[in-house]
Protein backbone atom coordinates (compact mmCIF):
# COMPACT_ATOMS: atom_id res chain seq x y z
CA MET A 1 7.31 2.22 22.13
CA THR A 2 10.75 2.17 21.75
CA GLU A 3 12.70 3.93 18.48
CA HIS A 4 14.32 0.80 17.19
CA ASN A 5 10.43 -0.78 17.41
CA MET A 6 9.66 2.58 15.57
CA GLN A 7 12.38 2.01 12.96
CA ASP A 8 11.72 -1.29 12.35
CA GLU A 9 8.02 -0.93 11.41
CA LYS A 10 9.08 1.97 9.23
CA ARG A 11 11.55 -0.15 7.47
CA MET A 12 8.98 -2.94 7.19
CA ALA A 13 6.61 -0.15 5.13
CA GLY A 14 9.01 0.86 3.15
CA LEU A 15 9.76 -2.54 1.94
CA ALA A 16 6.28 -3.62 1.37
CA ILE A 17 6.38 -0.03 -0.59
CA LEU A 18 9.31 -0.94 -2.67
CA ALA A 19 7.83 -4.86 -3.33
CA LEU A 20 4.47 -3.08 -4.33
CA GLU A 21 6.04 -0.08 -6.84
CA GLU A 22 8.53 -3.52 -8.25
CA LYS A 23 4.84 -4.77 -9.46
CA LYS A 24 3.82 -1.66 -10.71
CA ALA A 25 1.38 -1.12 -8.17
CA GLU A 26 -0.92 2.11 -8.70
CA ASP A 27 -1.47 5.06 -6.06
CA ILE A 28 0.39 3.44 -3.17
CA ARG A 29 -0.65 4.96 0.37
CA ALA A 30 0.64 4.73 3.75
CA ILE A 31 -1.61 5.47 7.09
CA ASP A 32 0.39 5.82 10.27
CA ILE A 33 -2.35 4.41 12.75
CA SER A 34 -0.28 3.89 15.31
CA ARG A 35 -2.07 6.74 17.92
CA VAL A 36 -5.90 5.32 17.06
CA SER A 37 -5.33 1.60 16.74
CA VAL A 38 -3.68 -1.41 18.20
CA ILE A 39 -4.47 -3.64 15.52
CA ALA A 40 -0.92 -2.29 13.70
CA ASP A 41 1.05 0.91 12.83
CA TYR A 42 0.88 1.29 9.25
CA PHE A 43 -1.73 0.31 6.47
CA ILE A 44 -0.30 0.73 3.10
CA ILE A 45 -2.74 0.79 0.58
CA ALA A 46 -2.14 0.21 -3.33
CA ASN A 47 -4.27 -1.12 -6.00
CA GLY A 48 -3.69 -2.92 -8.96
CA THR A 49 -5.42 -3.71 -12.60
CA ASN A 50 -5.98 -7.20 -12.87
CA THR A 51 -6.25 -10.34 -10.51
CA SER A 52 -2.67 -11.52 -11.96
CA GLN A 53 -1.16 -8.51 -11.46
CA ILE A 54 -2.64 -8.16 -8.09
CA GLN A 55 -1.59 -11.61 -6.95
CA ALA A 56 2.11 -10.73 -8.23
CA MET A 57 2.26 -7.73 -5.85
CA ALA A 58 1.30 -9.55 -2.66
CA ASP A 59 3.81 -12.65 -3.62
CA GLU A 60 6.12 -9.83 -4.08
CA VAL A 61 5.22 -7.78 -0.80
CA GLU A 62 5.04 -11.43 1.15
CA GLU A 63 8.38 -12.62 -0.45
CA GLN A 64 10.56 -9.15 0.17
CA LEU A 65 9.29 -9.16 3.73
CA TYR A 66 10.04 -12.70 4.49
CA LYS A 67 13.92 -12.41 3.21
CA ALA A 68 13.95 -9.36 5.92
CA GLY A 69 12.35 -11.49 8.61
CA TYR A 70 9.25 -10.05 8.73
CA PRO A 71 6.89 -13.21 8.03
CA LEU A 72 3.50 -12.85 6.93
CA LYS A 73 0.96 -14.02 9.73
CA GLN A 74 -1.68 -13.77 7.84
CA LYS A 75 -3.14 -13.38 4.27
CA GLU A 76 -6.86 -13.25 2.85
CA GLY A 77 -8.51 -12.47 -0.24
CA TYR A 78 -5.42 -13.96 -2.49
CA HIS A 79 -7.59 -16.03 -4.74
CA ASN A 80 -9.96 -13.64 -5.54
CA ALA A 81 -7.47 -10.45 -5.47
CA ASN A 82 -9.99 -7.97 -5.09
CA TRP A 83 -8.87 -6.79 -1.71
CA VAL A 84 -6.15 -9.08 -1.13
CA LEU A 85 -5.14 -8.31 3.19
CA MET A 86 -1.77 -9.20 4.19
CA ASP A 87 -0.82 -8.83 8.10
CA PHE A 88 2.91 -8.93 9.19
CA GLY A 89 1.88 -7.83 12.31
CA ASP A 90 3.45 -3.93 12.75
CA ILE A 91 2.08 -3.73 8.77
CA ILE A 92 -0.90 -4.66 7.23
CA VAL A 93 -0.69 -4.06 3.40
CA HIS A 94 -4.29 -3.83 1.22
CA ILE A 95 -3.87 -4.47 -2.10
CA PHE A 96 -6.90 -3.57 -4.23
CA ASP A 97 -9.08 -4.08 -7.60
CA LYS A 98 -9.58 -0.32 -8.39
CA GLU A 99 -13.45 -1.02 -8.16
CA ASN A 100 -13.46 -2.17 -4.53
CA ARG A 101 -10.61 0.38 -3.39
CA LEU A 102 -12.76 2.95 -4.21
CA PHE A 103 -15.84 1.08 -2.46
CA TYR A 104 -14.20 0.89 0.48
CA ASP A 105 -12.54 3.84 0.84
CA LEU A 106 -9.93 2.82 3.61
CA GLU A 107 -8.40 6.23 3.20
CA ARG A 108 -11.46 7.96 4.57
CA ILE A 109 -12.49 5.38 7.18
CA TRP A 110 -8.88 5.72 8.97
CA LYS A 111 -8.46 9.73 8.31
CA ASP A 112 -7.89 9.93 12.21
CA GLY A 113 -4.47 8.33 11.01
CA SER A 114 -1.49 10.54 9.60
CA MET A 115 -0.77 10.17 5.94
CA VAL A 116 2.77 9.50 5.18
CA GLU A 117 4.55 9.73 2.40
CA PRO A 118 5.73 6.52 0.57
CA LYS A 119 9.09 7.85 -0.20
CA SER A 120 9.92 8.70 3.77
CA LEU A 121 9.35 5.16 4.75
CA LYS A 122 11.28 3.50 1.87
CA ASP A 123 14.18 6.03 2.95
CA CYS A 124 14.16 3.74 6.17
CA VAL A 125 15.16 0.97 4.32
CA LYS A 126 18.43 1.95 3.10
């Protein structure tokens, strides 16, 4: 993987984190899974408090990444909004309600990945 690509993925992840923060997401986590999976380089995980907020978070992520030239490839779970999965290729954004986040516990499942400080990814946006 080239350095350019890595910076692009970090920028994508940073934009997603900023969009989630804009809509008051809770407990935002970033996991670098590039060494343990081919499906993506980063998982961004957050949760919201209700259906409307979770959908607003998903809408904001989709809009901000699209504006930056990163179109959404696939989105699942938007209507129920208990787990919205947004696939942007190099990053995958997971937005949960609190109950499903605890139940699915992606941080534990993907513990072989590396936790990344969200601030370090936001710094790549500037």
